[in-house]
Amino acid sequence: HAGSAKAAIDAMAKHLSVEWGADGVRVNCLAPGPIDDTEGFSRLCPKPLKDEMLQSIPLKRWGTLQDMQNAALFLCSQASSNVTGAVMVSDGGAWLTNGAAQLVSKL
Protein backbone atom coordinates (compact mmCIF):
# COMPACT_ATOMS: atom_id res chain seq x y z
CA HIS A 1 0.00 0.00 0.00
CA ALA A 2 2.84 2.39 0.73
CA GLY A 3 4.12 2.12 -2.84
CA SER A 4 0.73 3.10 -4.22
CA ALA A 5 0.51 6.07 -1.88
CA LYS A 6 3.99 7.25 -2.87
CA ALA A 7 3.16 6.93 -6.57
CA ALA A 8 -0.02 8.95 -6.03
CA ILE A 9 1.93 11.74 -4.30
CA ASP A 10 4.46 11.82 -7.15
CA ALA A 11 1.65 12.00 -9.72
CA MET A 12 -0.16 14.70 -7.75
CA ALA A 13 2.99 16.85 -7.63
CA LYS A 14 3.39 16.59 -11.39
CA HIS A 15 -0.27 17.33 -12.05
CA LEU A 16 -0.42 20.31 -9.67
CA SER A 17 2.83 21.74 -11.00
CA VAL A 18 1.19 21.96 -14.44
CA GLU A 19 -2.14 23.20 -13.11
CA TRP A 20 -0.72 25.86 -10.77
CA GLY A 21 2.45 26.78 -12.67
CA ALA A 22 0.79 29.67 -14.53
CA ASP A 23 0.08 31.24 -11.13
CA GLY A 24 3.75 31.01 -10.15
CA VAL A 25 3.23 28.10 -7.77
CA ARG A 26 5.92 25.42 -7.77
CA VAL A 27 5.07 21.93 -6.50
CA ASN A 28 7.85 19.49 -5.67
CA CYS A 29 8.23 16.43 -3.46
CA LEU A 30 10.99 15.22 -1.21
CA ALA A 31 11.43 11.44 -1.12
CA PRO A 32 13.69 10.50 1.78
CA GLY A 33 15.43 7.18 2.13
CA PRO A 34 16.28 5.61 5.47
CA ILE A 35 16.93 8.31 8.07
CA ASP A 36 19.18 7.13 10.88
CA ASP A 37 18.17 7.61 14.51
CA THR A 38 14.46 7.95 13.78
CA GLU A 39 11.66 5.87 15.25
CA GLY A 40 10.45 4.68 11.86
CA PHE A 41 13.86 3.48 10.76
CA SER A 42 14.53 1.68 14.03
CA ARG A 43 11.24 -0.20 13.63
CA LEU A 44 11.71 -1.03 9.94
CA CYS A 45 15.38 -1.98 10.08
CA PRO A 46 16.41 -4.07 13.07
CA LYS A 47 20.05 -3.73 14.10
CA PRO A 48 21.14 -7.10 12.63
CA LEU A 49 20.09 -5.94 9.13
CA LYS A 50 21.37 -2.38 9.46
CA ASP A 51 25.04 -3.05 8.61
CA GLU A 52 24.12 -5.40 5.77
CA MET A 53 21.71 -2.93 4.20
CA LEU A 54 24.20 -0.07 4.51
CA GLN A 55 26.60 -1.95 2.23
CA SER A 56 24.05 -1.76 -0.62
CA ILE A 57 23.83 2.05 -0.47
CA PRO A 58 26.30 3.69 -2.89
CA LEU A 59 27.22 6.54 -0.52
CA LYS A 60 27.63 4.05 2.37
CA ARG A 61 25.83 6.20 4.90
CA TRP A 62 22.33 6.67 6.22
CA GLY A 63 20.44 9.87 5.67
CA THR A 64 20.15 12.35 8.51
CA LEU A 65 17.50 14.84 9.55
CA GLN A 66 19.97 17.54 8.46
CA ASP A 67 20.04 16.02 4.95
CA MET A 68 16.26 16.31 4.76
CA GLN A 69 16.32 19.87 6.08
CA ASN A 70 18.89 20.85 3.46
CA ALA A 71 16.89 19.26 0.64
CA ALA A 72 13.68 20.97 1.76
CA LEU A 73 15.50 24.28 2.07
CA PHE A 74 16.81 23.91 -1.48
CA LEU A 75 13.33 23.18 -2.85
CA CYS A 76 11.92 26.24 -1.04
CA SER A 77 14.74 28.57 -2.07
CA GLN A 78 15.43 30.71 -5.10
CA ALA A 79 18.14 28.21 -6.04
CA SER A 80 15.33 25.97 -7.31
CA SER A 81 13.17 28.73 -8.79
CA ASN A 82 12.93 26.90 -12.13
CA VAL A 83 12.19 23.49 -10.61
CA THR A 84 8.62 22.21 -10.50
CA GLY A 85 6.97 18.80 -10.69
CA ALA A 86 10.14 17.18 -9.39
CA VAL A 87 10.58 14.40 -6.90
CA MET A 88 13.90 14.92 -5.12
CA VAL A 89 15.17 11.60 -3.86
CA SER A 90 17.58 11.90 -0.95
CA ASP A 91 18.65 8.37 -0.07
CA GLY A 92 22.35 8.09 -0.82
CA GLY A 93 21.55 6.26 -4.05
CA ALA A 94 19.72 3.40 -2.32
CA TRP A 95 16.89 3.36 -4.88
CA LEU A 96 19.46 2.86 -7.65
CA THR A 97 20.43 -0.52 -6.19
CA ASN A 98 18.52 -3.58 -5.13
CA GLY A 99 19.19 -2.79 -1.46
CA ALA A 100 15.65 -1.82 -0.54
CA ALA A 101 14.19 -4.95 -2.13
CA GLN A 102 16.73 -7.10 -0.29
CA LEU A 103 15.78 -5.51 3.03
CA VAL A 104 12.06 -6.01 2.50
CA SER A 105 12.56 -9.67 1.60
CA LYS A 106 14.35 -10.25 4.93
CA LEU A 107 11.73 -8.64 7.15
PDB file of N, CA and C in Angstrom:
ATOM      1  N   HIS A   1       0.810  -1.196   0.000  1.00  0.00           N
ATOM      2  CA  HIS A   1       0.000   0.000   0.000  1.00  0.00           C
ATOM      3  C   HIS A   1       0.854   1.262   0.000  1.00  0.00           C
ATOM      4  N   ALA A   2       1.992   1.205   0.660  1.00  0.00           N
ATOM      5  CA  ALA A   2       2.843   2.389   0.734  1.00  0.00           C
ATOM      6  C   ALA A   2       3.343   2.799  -0.643  1.00  0.00           C
ATOM      7  N   GLY A   3       3.657   1.815  -1.487  1.00  0.00           N
ATOM      8  CA  GLY A   3       4.123   2.124  -2.837  1.00  0.00           C
ATOM      9  C   GLY A   3       3.070   2.846  -3.656  1.00  0.00           C
ATOM     10  N   SER A   4       1.819   2.433  -3.509  1.00  0.00           N
ATOM     11  CA  SER A   4       0.729   3.097  -4.224  1.00  0.00           C
ATOM     12  C   SER A   4       0.554   4.525  -3.742  1.00  0.00           C
ATOM     13  N   ALA A   5       0.657   4.721  -2.444  1.00  0.00           N
ATOM     14  CA  ALA A   5       0.509   6.069  -1.879  1.00  0.00           C
ATOM     15  C   ALA A   5       1.633   6.985  -2.360  1.00  0.00           C
ATOM     16  N   LYS A   6       2.856   6.450  -2.407  1.00  0.00           N
ATOM     17  CA  LYS A   6       3.995   7.255  -2.873  1.00  0.00           C
ATOM     18  C   LYS A   6       3.836   7.613  -4.343  1.00  0.00           C
ATOM     19  N   ALA A   7       3.377   6.662  -5.145  1.00  0.00           N
ATOM     20  CA  ALA A   7       3.161   6.928  -6.568  1.00  0.00           C
ATOM     21  C   ALA A   7       2.086   7.989  -6.761  1.00  0.00           C
ATOM     22  N   ALA A   8       1.055   7.957  -5.937  1.00  0.00           N
ATOM     23  CA  ALA A   8      -0.017   8.951  -6.033  1.00  0.00           C
ATOM     24  C   ALA A   8       0.505  10.345  -5.679  1.00  0.00           C
ATOM     25  N   ILE A   9       1.355  10.439  -4.677  1.00  0.00           N
ATOM     26  CA  ILE A   9       1.926  11.742  -4.298  1.00  0.00           C
ATOM     27  C   ILE A   9       2.804  12.276  -5.425  1.00  0.00           C
ATOM     28  N   ASP A  10       3.615  11.400  -6.021  1.00  0.00           N
ATOM     29  CA  ASP A  10       4.456  11.820  -7.151  1.00  0.00           C
ATOM     30  C   ASP A  10       3.596  12.339  -8.300  1.00  0.00           C
ATOM     31  N   ALA A  11       2.537  11.601  -8.626  1.00  0.00           N
ATOM     32  CA  ALA A  11       1.649  12.002  -9.723  1.00  0.00           C
ATOM     33  C   ALA A  11       0.940  13.310  -9.394  1.00  0.00           C
ATOM     34  N   MET A  12       0.521  13.472  -8.146  1.00  0.00           N
ATOM     35  CA  MET A  12      -0.159  14.701  -7.751  1.00  0.00           C
ATOM     36  C   MET A  12       0.765  15.913  -7.884  1.00  0.00           C
ATOM     37  N   ALA A  13       2.032  15.749  -7.504  1.00  0.00           N
ATOM     38  CA  ALA A  13       2.988  16.850  -7.631  1.00  0.00           C
ATOM     39  C   ALA A  13       3.146  17.257  -9.085  1.00  0.00           C
ATOM     40  N   LYS A  14       3.239  16.284  -9.962  1.00  0.00           N
ATOM     41  CA  LYS A  14       3.387  16.586 -11.385  1.00  0.00           C
ATOM     42  C   LYS A  14       2.136  17.282 -11.933  1.00  0.00           C
ATOM     43  N   HIS A  15       0.982  16.755 -11.579  1.00  0.00           N
ATOM     44  CA  HIS A  15      -0.271  17.334 -12.050  1.00  0.00           C
ATOM     45  C   HIS A  15      -0.443  18.769 -11.536  1.00  0.00           C
ATOM     46  N   LEU A  16      -0.225  18.967 -10.243  1.00  0.00           N
ATOM     47  CA  LEU A  16      -0.418  20.306  -9.668  1.00  0.00           C
ATOM     48  C   LEU A  16       0.623  21.297 -10.169  1.00  0.00           C
ATOM     49  N   SER A  17       1.826  20.818 -10.472  1.00  0.00           N
ATOM     50  CA  SER A  17       2.835  21.743 -10.999  1.00  0.00           C
ATOM     51  C   SER A  17       2.407  22.297 -12.351  1.00  0.00           C
ATOM     52  N   VAL A  18       1.708  21.486 -13.152  1.00  0.00           N
ATOM     53  CA  VAL A  18       1.190  21.956 -14.436  1.00  0.00           C
ATOM     54  C   VAL A  18      -0.008  22.870 -14.218  1.00  0.00           C
ATOM     55  N   GLU A  19      -0.918  22.443 -13.346  1.00  0.00           N
ATOM     56  CA  GLU A  19      -2.143  23.204 -13.105  1.00  0.00           C
ATOM     57  C   GLU A  19      -1.868  24.570 -12.475  1.00  0.00           C
ATOM     58  N   TRP A  20      -0.950  24.621 -11.524  1.00  0.00           N
ATOM     59  CA  TRP A  20      -0.718  25.861 -10.770  1.00  0.00           C
ATOM     60  C   TRP A  20       0.488  26.667 -11.263  1.00  0.00           C
ATOM     61  N   GLY A  21       1.245  26.109 -12.198  1.00  0.00           N
ATOM     62  CA  GLY A  21       2.447  26.785 -12.671  1.00  0.00           C
ATOM     63  C   GLY A  21       2.200  28.177 -13.221  1.00  0.00           C
ATOM     64  N   ALA A  22       1.101  28.352 -13.941  1.00  0.00           N
ATOM     65  CA  ALA A  22       0.790  29.667 -14.527  1.00  0.00           C
ATOM     66  C   ALA A  22       0.585  30.733 -13.462  1.00  0.00           C
ATOM     67  N   ASP A  23       0.259  30.300 -12.242  1.00  0.00           N
ATOM     68  CA  ASP A  23       0.084  31.242 -11.133  1.00  0.00           C
ATOM     69  C   ASP A  23       1.371  31.427 -10.335  1.00  0.00           C
ATOM     70  N   GLY A  24       2.465  30.853 -10.821  1.00  0.00           N
ATOM     71  CA  GLY A  24       3.752  31.006 -10.146  1.00  0.00           C
ATOM     72  C   GLY A  24       3.959  30.061  -8.976  1.00  0.00           C
ATOM     73  N   VAL A  25       3.114  29.058  -8.870  1.00  0.00           N
ATOM     74  CA  VAL A  25       3.234  28.100  -7.770  1.00  0.00           C
ATOM     75  C   VAL A  25       4.057  26.908  -8.237  1.00  0.00           C
ATOM     76  N   ARG A  26       5.105  26.594  -7.479  1.00  0.00           N
ATOM     77  CA  ARG A  26       5.923  25.419  -7.767  1.00  0.00           C
ATOM     78  C   ARG A  26       5.528  24.305  -6.801  1.00  0.00           C
ATOM     79  N   VAL A  27       5.424  23.085  -7.329  1.00  0.00           N
ATOM     80  CA  VAL A  27       5.065  21.928  -6.502  1.00  0.00           C
ATOM     81  C   VAL A  27       6.133  20.863  -6.702  1.00  0.00           C
ATOM     82  N   ASN A  28       6.807  20.507  -5.625  1.00  0.00           N
ATOM     83  CA  ASN A  28       7.847  19.486  -5.668  1.00  0.00           C
ATOM     84  C   ASN A  28       7.678  18.560  -4.474  1.00  0.00           C
ATOM     85  N   CYS A  29       8.291  17.404  -4.553  1.00  0.00           N
ATOM     86  CA  CYS A  29       8.235  16.433  -3.460  1.00  0.00           C
ATOM     87  C   CYS A  29       9.640  16.074  -3.014  1.00  0.00           C
ATOM     88  N   LEU A  30       9.749  15.715  -1.773  1.00  0.00           N
ATOM     89  CA  LEU A  30      10.993  15.222  -1.208  1.00  0.00           C
ATOM     90  C   LEU A  30      10.765  13.759  -0.827  1.00  0.00           C
ATOM     91  N   ALA A  31      11.563  12.876  -1.379  1.00  0.00           N
ATOM     92  CA  ALA A  31      11.435  11.439  -1.123  1.00  0.00           C
ATOM     93  C   ALA A  31      12.660  10.973  -0.340  1.00  0.00           C
ATOM     94  N   PRO A  32      12.537  10.917   0.971  1.00  0.00           N
ATOM     95  CA  PRO A  32      13.690  10.505   1.778  1.00  0.00           C
ATOM     96  C   PRO A  32      13.878   8.998   1.764  1.00  0.00           C
ATOM     97  N   GLY A  33      15.116   8.591   1.903  1.00  0.00           N
ATOM     98  CA  GLY A  33      15.429   7.183   2.126  1.00  0.00           C
ATOM     99  C   GLY A  33      15.482   6.938   3.620  1.00  0.00           C
ATOM    100  N   PRO A  34      16.170   5.890   4.042  1.00  0.00           N
ATOM    101  CA  PRO A  34      16.277   5.609   5.468  1.00  0.00           C
ATOM    102  C   PRO A  34      16.995   6.742   6.211  1.00  0.00           C
ATOM    103  N   ILE A  35      16.356   7.229   7.268  1.00  0.00           N
ATOM    104  CA  ILE A  35      16.928   8.307   8.073  1.00  0.00           C
ATOM    105  C   ILE A  35      17.346   7.723   9.410  1.00  0.00           C
ATOM    106  N   ASP A  36      18.635   7.725   9.661  1.00  0.00           N
ATOM    107  CA  ASP A  36      19.177   7.128  10.876  1.00  0.00           C
ATOM    108  C   ASP A  36      18.657   7.836  12.124  1.00  0.00           C
ATOM    109  N   ASP A  37      18.590   7.097  13.196  1.00  0.00           N
ATOM    110  CA  ASP A  37      18.172   7.610  14.509  1.00  0.00           C
ATOM    111  C   ASP A  37      16.760   8.182  14.513  1.00  0.00           C
ATOM    112  N   THR A  38      15.869   7.579  13.726  1.00  0.00           N
ATOM    113  CA  THR A  38      14.459   7.950  13.783  1.00  0.00           C
ATOM    114  C   THR A  38      13.658   6.725  14.211  1.00  0.00           C
ATOM    115  N   GLU A  39      12.512   6.963  14.771  1.00  0.00           N
ATOM    116  CA  GLU A  39      11.660   5.874  15.247  1.00  0.00           C
ATOM    117  C   GLU A  39      11.259   4.932  14.112  1.00  0.00           C
ATOM    118  N   GLY A  40      10.876   5.510  12.983  1.00  0.00           N
ATOM    119  CA  GLY A  40      10.451   4.683  11.860  1.00  0.00           C
ATOM    120  C   GLY A  40      11.555   3.759  11.375  1.00  0.00           C
ATOM    121  N   PHE A  41      12.749   4.289  11.251  1.00  0.00           N
ATOM    122  CA  PHE A  41      13.865   3.478  10.762  1.00  0.00           C
ATOM    123  C   PHE A  41      14.212   2.384  11.763  1.00  0.00           C
ATOM    124  N   SER A  42      14.188   2.703  13.037  1.00  0.00           N
ATOM    125  CA  SER A  42      14.531   1.683  14.032  1.00  0.00           C
ATOM    126  C   SER A  42      13.507   0.546  14.029  1.00  0.00           C
ATOM    127  N   ARG A  43      12.264   0.846  13.702  1.00  0.00           N
ATOM    128  CA  ARG A  43      11.243  -0.202  13.634  1.00  0.00           C
ATOM    129  C   ARG A  43      11.333  -1.010  12.339  1.00  0.00           C
ATOM    130  N   LEU A  44      11.668  -0.349  11.235  1.00  0.00           N
ATOM    131  CA  LEU A  44      11.707  -1.030   9.941  1.00  0.00           C
ATOM    132  C   LEU A  44      13.010  -1.775   9.682  1.00  0.00           C
ATOM    133  N   CYS A  45      14.083  -1.362  10.334  1.00  0.00           N
ATOM    134  CA  CYS A  45      15.385  -1.982  10.077  1.00  0.00           C
ATOM    135  C   CYS A  45      16.028  -2.382  11.398  1.00  0.00           C
ATOM    136  N   PRO A  46      15.786  -3.605  11.830  1.00  0.00           N
ATOM    137  CA  PRO A  46      16.407  -4.067  13.065  1.00  0.00           C
ATOM    138  C   PRO A  46      17.935  -4.029  12.962  1.00  0.00           C
ATOM    139  N   LYS A  47      18.589  -3.859  14.078  1.00  0.00           N
ATOM    140  CA  LYS A  47      20.046  -3.729  14.097  1.00  0.00           C
ATOM    141  C   LYS A  47      20.794  -4.816  13.320  1.00  0.00           C
ATOM    142  N   PRO A  48      20.390  -6.086  13.394  1.00  0.00           N
ATOM    143  CA  PRO A  48      21.143  -7.102  12.634  1.00  0.00           C
ATOM    144  C   PRO A  48      21.164  -6.849  11.118  1.00  0.00           C
ATOM    145  N   LEU A  49      20.130  -6.206  10.575  1.00  0.00           N
ATOM    146  CA  LEU A  49      20.088  -5.941   9.135  1.00  0.00           C
ATOM    147  C   LEU A  49      20.726  -4.610   8.757  1.00  0.00           C
ATOM    148  N   LYS A  50      20.919  -3.749   9.734  1.00  0.00           N
ATOM    149  CA  LYS A  50      21.368  -2.383   9.465  1.00  0.00           C
ATOM    150  C   LYS A  50      22.715  -2.342   8.736  1.00  0.00           C
ATOM    151  N   ASP A  51      23.713  -3.067   9.241  1.00  0.00           N
ATOM    152  CA  ASP A  51      25.037  -3.054   8.608  1.00  0.00           C
ATOM    153  C   ASP A  51      24.993  -3.665   7.216  1.00  0.00           C
ATOM    154  N   GLU A  52      24.226  -4.734   7.072  1.00  0.00           N
ATOM    155  CA  GLU A  52      24.119  -5.395   5.771  1.00  0.00           C
ATOM    156  C   GLU A  52      23.467  -4.479   4.737  1.00  0.00           C
ATOM    157  N   MET A  53      22.400  -3.813   5.131  1.00  0.00           N
ATOM    158  CA  MET A  53      21.707  -2.927   4.201  1.00  0.00           C
ATOM    159  C   MET A  53      22.581  -1.733   3.820  1.00  0.00           C
ATOM    160  N   LEU A  54      23.340  -1.228   4.770  1.00  0.00           N
ATOM    161  CA  LEU A  54      24.199  -0.074   4.510  1.00  0.00           C
ATOM    162  C   LEU A  54      25.183  -0.364   3.374  1.00  0.00           C
ATOM    163  N   GLN A  55      25.634  -1.594   3.272  1.00  0.00           N
ATOM    164  CA  GLN A  55      26.598  -1.953   2.232  1.00  0.00           C
ATOM    165  C   GLN A  55      26.010  -1.834   0.821  1.00  0.00           C
ATOM    166  N   SER A  56      24.683  -1.858   0.708  1.00  0.00           N
ATOM    167  CA  SER A  56      24.054  -1.763  -0.621  1.00  0.00           C
ATOM    168  C   SER A  56      23.803  -0.318  -1.039  1.00  0.00           C
ATOM    169  N   ILE A  57      24.053   0.639  -0.155  1.00  0.00           N
ATOM    170  CA  ILE A  57      23.830   2.053  -0.473  1.00  0.00           C
ATOM    171  C   ILE A  57      25.122   2.638  -1.049  1.00  0.00           C
ATOM    172  N   PRO A  58      25.080   3.183  -2.254  1.00  0.00           N
ATOM    173  CA  PRO A  58      26.297   3.685  -2.890  1.00  0.00           C
ATOM    174  C   PRO A  58      27.107   4.672  -2.040  1.00  0.00           C
ATOM    175  N   LEU A  59      26.466   5.582  -1.324  1.00  0.00           N
ATOM    176  CA  LEU A  59      27.222   6.542  -0.517  1.00  0.00           C
ATOM    177  C   LEU A  59      27.660   5.979   0.835  1.00  0.00           C
ATOM    178  N   LYS A  60      27.223   4.771   1.149  1.00  0.00           N
ATOM    179  CA  LYS A  60      27.632   4.053   2.367  1.00  0.00           C
ATOM    180  C   LYS A  60      27.356   4.816   3.654  1.00  0.00           C
ATOM    181  N   ARG A  61      26.248   5.541   3.665  1.00  0.00           N
ATOM    182  CA  ARG A  61      25.830   6.203   4.903  1.00  0.00           C
ATOM    183  C   ARG A  61      24.327   6.372   4.887  1.00  0.00           C
ATOM    184  N   TRP A  62      23.756   6.427   6.077  1.00  0.00           N
ATOM    185  CA  TRP A  62      22.330   6.671   6.215  1.00  0.00           C
ATOM    186  C   TRP A  62      22.049   8.150   6.077  1.00  0.00           C
ATOM    187  N   GLY A  63      20.841   8.477   5.696  1.00  0.00           N
ATOM    188  CA  GLY A  63      20.437   9.871   5.673  1.00  0.00           C
ATOM    189  C   GLY A  63      20.289  10.389   7.097  1.00  0.00           C
ATOM    190  N   THR A  64      20.324  11.706   7.210  1.00  0.00           N
ATOM    191  CA  THR A  64      20.152  12.352   8.509  1.00  0.00           C
ATOM    192  C   THR A  64      19.009  13.358   8.408  1.00  0.00           C
ATOM    193  N   LEU A  65      18.524  13.783   9.551  1.00  0.00           N
ATOM    194  CA  LEU A  65      17.505  14.837   9.549  1.00  0.00           C
ATOM    195  C   LEU A  65      18.051  16.097   8.895  1.00  0.00           C
ATOM    196  N   GLN A  66      19.348  16.369   9.089  1.00  0.00           N
ATOM    197  CA  GLN A  66      19.966  17.540   8.459  1.00  0.00           C
ATOM    198  C   GLN A  66      19.936  17.422   6.935  1.00  0.00           C
ATOM    199  N   ASP A  67      20.137  16.225   6.403  1.00  0.00           N
ATOM    200  CA  ASP A  67      20.043  16.019   4.945  1.00  0.00           C
ATOM    201  C   ASP A  67      18.660  16.411   4.444  1.00  0.00           C
ATOM    202  N   MET A  68      17.629  16.001   5.165  1.00  0.00           N
ATOM    203  CA  MET A  68      16.256  16.307   4.761  1.00  0.00           C
ATOM    204  C   MET A  68      15.978  17.801   4.872  1.00  0.00           C
ATOM    205  N   GLN A  69      16.490  18.423   5.925  1.00  0.00           N
ATOM    206  CA  GLN A  69      16.316  19.870   6.081  1.00  0.00           C
ATOM    207  C   GLN A  69      16.983  20.613   4.932  1.00  0.00           C
ATOM    208  N   ASN A  70      18.179  20.197   4.557  1.00  0.00           N
ATOM    209  CA  ASN A  70      18.890  20.854   3.459  1.00  0.00           C
ATOM    210  C   ASN A  70      18.159  20.680   2.126  1.00  0.00           C
ATOM    211  N   ALA A  71      17.630  19.493   1.880  1.00  0.00           N
ATOM    212  CA  ALA A  71      16.894  19.255   0.638  1.00  0.00           C
ATOM    213  C   ALA A  71      15.622  20.101   0.593  1.00  0.00           C
ATOM    214  N   ALA A  72      14.904  20.159   1.711  1.00  0.00           N
ATOM    215  CA  ALA A  72      13.682  20.974   1.763  1.00  0.00           C
ATOM    216  C   ALA A  72      14.012  22.452   1.582  1.00  0.00           C
ATOM    217  N   LEU A  73      15.089  22.887   2.207  1.00  0.00           N
ATOM    218  CA  LEU A  73      15.499  24.284   2.068  1.00  0.00           C
ATOM    219  C   LEU A  73      15.818  24.612   0.611  1.00  0.00           C
ATOM    220  N   PHE A  74      16.514  23.703  -0.065  1.00  0.00           N
ATOM    221  CA  PHE A  74      16.808  23.910  -1.483  1.00  0.00           C
ATOM    222  C   PHE A  74      15.523  24.052  -2.283  1.00  0.00           C
ATOM    223  N   LEU A  75      14.569  23.141  -2.073  1.00  0.00           N
ATOM    224  CA  LEU A  75      13.326  23.178  -2.849  1.00  0.00           C
ATOM    225  C   LEU A  75      12.499  24.427  -2.570  1.00  0.00           C
ATOM    226  N   CYS A  76      12.666  25.017  -1.399  1.00  0.00           N
ATOM    227  CA  CYS A  76      11.919  26.237  -1.042  1.00  0.00           C
ATOM    228  C   CYS A  76      12.671  27.511  -1.394  1.00  0.00           C
ATOM    229  N   SER A  77      13.901  27.390  -1.836  1.00  0.00           N
ATOM    230  CA  SER A  77      14.740  28.569  -2.066  1.00  0.00           C
ATOM    231  C   SER A  77      14.716  29.024  -3.521  1.00  0.00           C
ATOM    232  N   GLN A  78      15.291  30.183  -3.745  1.00  0.00           N
ATOM    233  CA  GLN A  78      15.425  30.714  -5.104  1.00  0.00           C
ATOM    234  C   GLN A  78      16.368  29.858  -5.940  1.00  0.00           C
ATOM    235  N   ALA A  79      17.212  29.076  -5.301  1.00  0.00           N
ATOM    236  CA  ALA A  79      18.135  28.212  -6.040  1.00  0.00           C
ATOM    237  C   ALA A  79      17.382  27.196  -6.892  1.00  0.00           C
ATOM    238  N   SER A  80      16.136  26.907  -6.527  1.00  0.00           N
ATOM    239  CA  SER A  80      15.327  25.968  -7.313  1.00  0.00           C
ATOM    240  C   SER A  80      14.142  26.670  -7.965  1.00  0.00           C
ATOM    241  N   SER A  81      14.299  27.942  -8.267  1.00  0.00           N
ATOM    242  CA  SER A  81      13.174  28.732  -8.789  1.00  0.00           C
ATOM    243  C   SER A  81      12.639  28.248 -10.125  1.00  0.00           C
ATOM    244  N   ASN A  82      13.401  27.429 -10.846  1.00  0.00           N
ATOM    245  CA  ASN A  82      12.929  26.901 -12.128  1.00  0.00           C
ATOM    246  C   ASN A  82      12.634  25.403 -12.048  1.00  0.00           C
ATOM    247  N   VAL A  83      12.465  24.904 -10.831  1.00  0.00           N
ATOM    248  CA  VAL A  83      12.192  23.485 -10.612  1.00  0.00           C
ATOM    249  C   VAL A  83      10.741  23.325 -10.173  1.00  0.00           C
ATOM    250  N   THR A  84       9.988  22.520 -10.893  1.00  0.00           N
ATOM    251  CA  THR A  84       8.617  22.211 -10.499  1.00  0.00           C
ATOM    252  C   THR A  84       8.249  20.837 -11.030  1.00  0.00           C
ATOM    253  N   GLY A  85       7.390  20.147 -10.305  1.00  0.00           N
ATOM    254  CA  GLY A  85       6.972  18.804 -10.690  1.00  0.00           C
ATOM    255  C   GLY A  85       8.036  17.758 -10.455  1.00  0.00           C
ATOM    256  N   ALA A  86       9.027  18.093  -9.629  1.00  0.00           N
ATOM    257  CA  ALA A  86      10.141  17.178  -9.388  1.00  0.00           C
ATOM    258  C   ALA A  86       9.946  16.377  -8.103  1.00  0.00           C
ATOM    259  N   VAL A  87      10.516  15.205  -8.111  1.00  0.00           N
ATOM    260  CA  VAL A  87      10.585  14.395  -6.900  1.00  0.00           C
ATOM    261  C   VAL A  87      12.068  14.272  -6.567  1.00  0.00           C
ATOM    262  N   MET A  88      12.492  14.968  -5.525  1.00  0.00           N
ATOM    263  CA  MET A  88      13.898  14.922  -5.122  1.00  0.00           C
ATOM    264  C   MET A  88      14.094  13.736  -4.185  1.00  0.00           C
ATOM    265  N   VAL A  89      14.873  12.784  -4.656  1.00  0.00           N
ATOM    266  CA  VAL A  89      15.172  11.599  -3.856  1.00  0.00           C
ATOM    267  C   VAL A  89      16.458  11.868  -3.094  1.00  0.00           C
ATOM    268  N   SER A  90      16.406  11.698  -1.796  1.00  0.00           N
ATOM    269  CA  SER A  90      17.579  11.896  -0.949  1.00  0.00           C
ATOM    270  C   SER A  90      17.768  10.620  -0.133  1.00  0.00           C
ATOM    271  N   ASP A  91      18.496   9.671  -0.720  1.00  0.00           N
ATOM    272  CA  ASP A  91      18.650   8.367  -0.072  1.00  0.00           C
ATOM    273  C   ASP A  91      20.035   7.769  -0.257  1.00  0.00           C
ATOM    274  N   GLY A  92      20.997   8.590  -0.642  1.00  0.00           N
ATOM    275  CA  GLY A  92      22.355   8.090  -0.818  1.00  0.00           C
ATOM    276  C   GLY A  92      22.515   7.155  -2.006  1.00  0.00           C
ATOM    277  N   GLY A  93      21.515   7.133  -2.879  1.00  0.00           N
ATOM    278  CA  GLY A  93      21.550   6.264  -4.054  1.00  0.00           C
ATOM    279  C   GLY A  93      20.928   4.899  -3.817  1.00  0.00           C
ATOM    280  N   ALA A  94      20.281   4.720  -2.667  1.00  0.00           N
ATOM    281  CA  ALA A  94      19.716   3.401  -2.323  1.00  0.00           C
ATOM    282  C   ALA A  94      18.713   2.915  -3.362  1.00  0.00           C
ATOM    283  N   TRP A  95      17.908   3.807  -3.912  1.00  0.00           N
ATOM    284  CA  TRP A  95      16.889   3.362  -4.877  1.00  0.00           C
ATOM    285  C   TRP A  95      17.510   2.928  -6.194  1.00  0.00           C
ATOM    286  N   LEU A  96      18.774   3.260  -6.422  1.00  0.00           N
ATOM    287  CA  LEU A  96      19.459   2.857  -7.651  1.00  0.00           C
ATOM    288  C   LEU A  96      19.969   1.424  -7.583  1.00  0.00           C
ATOM    289  N   THR A  97      19.960   0.846  -6.388  1.00  0.00           N
ATOM    290  CA  THR A  97      20.429  -0.515  -6.190  1.00  0.00           C
ATOM    291  C   THR A  97      19.272  -1.411  -5.800  1.00  0.00           C
ATOM    292  N   ASN A  98      19.547  -2.632  -5.549  1.00  0.00           N
ATOM    293  CA  ASN A  98      18.515  -3.580  -5.130  1.00  0.00           C
ATOM    294  C   ASN A  98      18.438  -3.654  -3.602  1.00  0.00           C
ATOM    295  N   GLY A  99      19.114  -2.742  -2.914  1.00  0.00           N
ATOM    296  CA  GLY A  99      19.192  -2.787  -1.457  1.00  0.00           C
ATOM    297  C   GLY A  99      17.850  -2.750  -0.758  1.00  0.00           C
ATOM    298  N   ALA A 100      16.959  -1.916  -1.195  1.00  0.00           N
ATOM    299  CA  ALA A 100      15.652  -1.818  -0.543  1.00  0.00           C
ATOM    300  C   ALA A 100      14.874  -3.114  -0.706  1.00  0.00           C
ATOM    301  N   ALA A 101      14.909  -3.693  -1.884  1.00  0.00           N
ATOM    302  CA  ALA A 101      14.191  -4.947  -2.127  1.00  0.00           C
ATOM    303  C   ALA A 101      14.775  -6.067  -1.275  1.00  0.00           C
ATOM    304  N   GLN A 102      16.094  -6.085  -1.117  1.00  0.00           N
ATOM    305  CA  GLN A 102      16.726  -7.098  -0.286  1.00  0.00           C
ATOM    306  C   GLN A 102      16.297  -6.965   1.162  1.00  0.00           C
ATOM    307  N   LEU A 103      16.203  -5.734   1.635  1.00  0.00           N
ATOM    308  CA  LEU A 103      15.782  -5.507   3.030  1.00  0.00           C
ATOM    309  C   LEU A 103      14.363  -5.998   3.242  1.00  0.00           C
ATOM    310  N   VAL A 104      13.458  -5.626   2.346  1.00  0.00           N
ATOM    311  CA  VAL A 104      12.056  -6.006   2.499  1.00  0.00           C
ATOM    312  C   VAL A 104      11.912  -7.521   2.492  1.00  0.00           C
ATOM    313  N   SER A 105      12.680  -8.214   1.671  1.00  0.00           N
ATOM    314  CA  SER A 105      12.565  -9.669   1.602  1.00  0.00           C
ATOM    315  C   SER A 105      13.038 -10.348   2.875  1.00  0.00           C
ATOM    316  N   LYS A 106      13.839  -9.656   3.690  1.00  0.00           N
ATOM    317  CA  LYS A 106      14.351 -10.251   4.927  1.00  0.00           C
ATOM    318  C   LYS A 106      13.498  -9.922   6.147  1.00  0.00           C
ATOM    319  N   LEU A 107      12.566  -9.011   5.999  1.00  0.00           N
ATOM    320  CA  LEU A 107      11.731  -8.640   7.153  1.00  0.00           C
ATOM    321  C   LEU A 107      10.610  -9.602   7.370  1.00  0.00           C
TER     322      LEU A 107
END
